[in-house]
């Protein structure tokens, strides 16, 4: 899916845009509402490093088991304790 972004926003969030492009997104960059450039990935699919693959596998394994939620019920007084 192609997203449209202004030149100003692309400039201010360039690193975030590049990460999104690495993940497969595309951006059309506009100046004064007119398209002037397109930011697209070079490769069709992002290549992960061995460390990233291991972290991804670890996270997927944790997600399969589920995340333990150990939060006690909160009340107003405990939230605003001094």
C-alpha atoms as a PDB file:
ATOM      1  CA  UNK A   1       0.000   0.000   0.000  1.00  0.00           C
ATOM      2  CA  UNK A   2       1.333   3.406  -0.949  1.00  0.00           C
ATOM      3  CA  UNK A   3       1.109   6.228   1.564  1.00  0.00           C
ATOM      4  CA  UNK A   4       1.257   9.910   0.679  1.00  0.00           C
ATOM      5  CA  UNK A   5       3.447  12.166   2.810  1.00  0.00           C
ATOM      6  CA  UNK A   6       4.438  15.811   2.482  1.00  0.00           C
ATOM      7  CA  UNK A   7       8.055  16.747   1.882  1.00  0.00           C
ATOM      8  CA  UNK A   8       8.165  18.458   5.270  1.00  0.00           C
ATOM      9  CA  UNK A   9       6.872  15.357   7.090  1.00  0.00           C
ATOM     10  CA  UNK A  10       9.231  13.106   5.125  1.00  0.00           C
ATOM     11  CA  UNK A  11      12.151  15.316   6.107  1.00  0.00           C
ATOM     12  CA  UNK A  12      11.195  15.347   9.793  1.00  0.00           C
ATOM     13  CA  UNK A  13      10.536  11.590   9.987  1.00  0.00           C
ATOM     14  CA  UNK A  14      13.019  10.303   7.418  1.00  0.00           C
ATOM     15  CA  UNK A  15      14.493   7.507   9.568  1.00  0.00           C
ATOM     16  CA  UNK A  16      10.994   6.250  10.415  1.00  0.00           C
ATOM     17  CA  UNK A  17      10.050   6.348   6.717  1.00  0.00           C
ATOM     18  CA  UNK A  18      13.147   4.350   5.768  1.00  0.00           C
ATOM     19  CA  UNK A  19      12.323   1.698   8.392  1.00  0.00           C
ATOM     20  CA  UNK A  20       8.791   1.479   6.996  1.00  0.00           C
ATOM     21  CA  UNK A  21      10.165   1.148   3.452  1.00  0.00           C
ATOM     22  CA  UNK A  22      12.494  -1.621   4.630  1.00  0.00           C
ATOM     23  CA  UNK A  23       9.380  -3.384   5.924  1.00  0.00           C
ATOM     24  CA  UNK A  24       7.787  -3.150   2.470  1.00  0.00           C
ATOM     25  CA  UNK A  25       5.801   0.095   2.525  1.00  0.00           C
ATOM     26  CA  UNK A  26       5.955   2.732  -0.201  1.00  0.00           C
ATOM     27  CA  UNK A  27       5.644   6.511   0.088  1.00  0.00           C
ATOM     28  CA  UNK A  28       4.721   9.181  -2.444  1.00  0.00           C
ATOM     29  CA  UNK A  29       6.307  12.476  -1.371  1.00  0.00           C
ATOM     30  CA  UNK A  30       4.446  15.650  -2.249  1.00  0.00           C
ATOM     31  CA  UNK A  31       5.396  19.326  -2.413  1.00  0.00           C
ATOM     32  CA  UNK A  32       2.503  21.769  -2.281  1.00  0.00           C
ATOM     33  CA  UNK A  33       0.134  18.843  -2.831  1.00  0.00           C
ATOM     34  CA  UNK A  34       1.845  17.657  -6.025  1.00  0.00           C
ATOM     35  CA  UNK A  35       3.683  14.307  -6.137  1.00  0.00           C
ATOM     36  CA  UNK A  36       7.423  14.848  -6.659  1.00  0.00           C
ATOM     37  CA  UNK A  37       9.094  11.601  -5.554  1.00  0.00           C
ATOM     38  CA  UNK A  38       8.454   8.012  -4.583  1.00  0.00           C
ATOM     39  CA  UNK A  39      10.287   6.172  -1.794  1.00  0.00           C
ATOM     40  CA  UNK A  40      10.200   2.417  -2.461  1.00  0.00           C
ATOM     41  CA  UNK A  41      12.152  -0.610  -1.233  1.00  0.00           C
ATOM     42  CA  UNK A  42      14.963  -1.910  -3.418  1.00  0.00           C
ATOM     43  CA  UNK A  43      14.287  -5.535  -2.513  1.00  0.00           C
ATOM     44  CA  UNK A  44      10.847  -7.086  -2.390  1.00  0.00           C
ATOM     45  CA  UNK A  45      11.427  -8.556   1.056  1.00  0.00           C
ATOM     46  CA  UNK A  46      13.539  -7.321   3.945  1.00  0.00           C
ATOM     47  CA  UNK A  47      16.479  -9.577   4.801  1.00  0.00           C
ATOM     48  CA  UNK A  48      16.887 -10.079   8.541  1.00  0.00           C
ATOM     49  CA  UNK A  49      20.211 -10.617  10.293  1.00  0.00           C
ATOM     50  CA  UNK A  50      20.723 -13.849  12.273  1.00  0.00           C
ATOM     51  CA  UNK A  51      20.264 -11.879  15.505  1.00  0.00           C
ATOM     52  CA  UNK A  52      16.972 -10.433  14.255  1.00  0.00           C
ATOM     53  CA  UNK A  53      15.781 -13.878  13.174  1.00  0.00           C
ATOM     54  CA  UNK A  54      16.595 -15.301  16.622  1.00  0.00           C
ATOM     55  CA  UNK A  55      14.807 -12.413  18.367  1.00  0.00           C
ATOM     56  CA  UNK A  56      11.782 -12.893  16.112  1.00  0.00           C
ATOM     57  CA  UNK A  57      11.676 -16.637  16.827  1.00  0.00           C
ATOM     58  CA  UNK A  58      11.967 -15.938  20.563  1.00  0.00           C
ATOM     59  CA  UNK A  59       9.121 -13.423  20.468  1.00  0.00           C
ATOM     60  CA  UNK A  60       6.892 -15.764  18.477  1.00  0.00           C
ATOM     61  CA  UNK A  61       7.535 -18.533  21.020  1.00  0.00           C
ATOM     62  CA  UNK A  62       6.601 -16.196  23.878  1.00  0.00           C
ATOM     63  CA  UNK A  63       3.472 -15.110  22.025  1.00  0.00           C
ATOM     64  CA  UNK A  64       2.430 -18.747  21.532  1.00  0.00           C
ATOM     65  CA  UNK A  65       2.535 -19.315  25.320  1.00  0.00           C
ATOM     66  CA  UNK A  66       0.902 -15.981  26.073  1.00  0.00           C
ATOM     67  CA  UNK A  67       2.081 -13.094  28.186  1.00  0.00           C
ATOM     68  CA  UNK A  68       1.554 -13.460  31.941  1.00  0.00           C
ATOM     69  CA  UNK A  69      -0.469 -10.605  33.334  1.00  0.00           C
ATOM     70  CA  UNK A  70       0.178 -10.131  37.032  1.00  0.00           C
ATOM     71  CA  UNK A  71      -1.447  -6.779  37.646  1.00  0.00           C
ATOM     72  CA  UNK A  72      -3.464  -6.392  40.807  1.00  0.00           C
ATOM     73  CA  UNK A  73      -6.746  -4.531  40.675  1.00  0.00           C
ATOM     74  CA  UNK A  74      -6.246  -0.792  40.957  1.00  0.00           C
ATOM     75  CA  UNK A  75      -8.372   1.684  42.796  1.00  0.00           C
ATOM     76  CA  UNK A  76      -8.373   5.460  42.748  1.00  0.00           C
ATOM     77  CA  UNK A  77      -6.507   5.856  46.050  1.00  0.00           C
ATOM     78  CA  UNK A  78      -3.609   3.614  45.030  1.00  0.00           C
ATOM     79  CA  UNK A  79      -3.242   5.460  41.725  1.00  0.00           C
ATOM     80  CA  UNK A  80      -2.954   8.821  43.479  1.00  0.00           C
ATOM     81  CA  UNK A  81      -0.830   7.711  46.413  1.00  0.00           C
ATOM     82  CA  UNK A  82       1.747  10.223  47.632  1.00  0.00           C
END
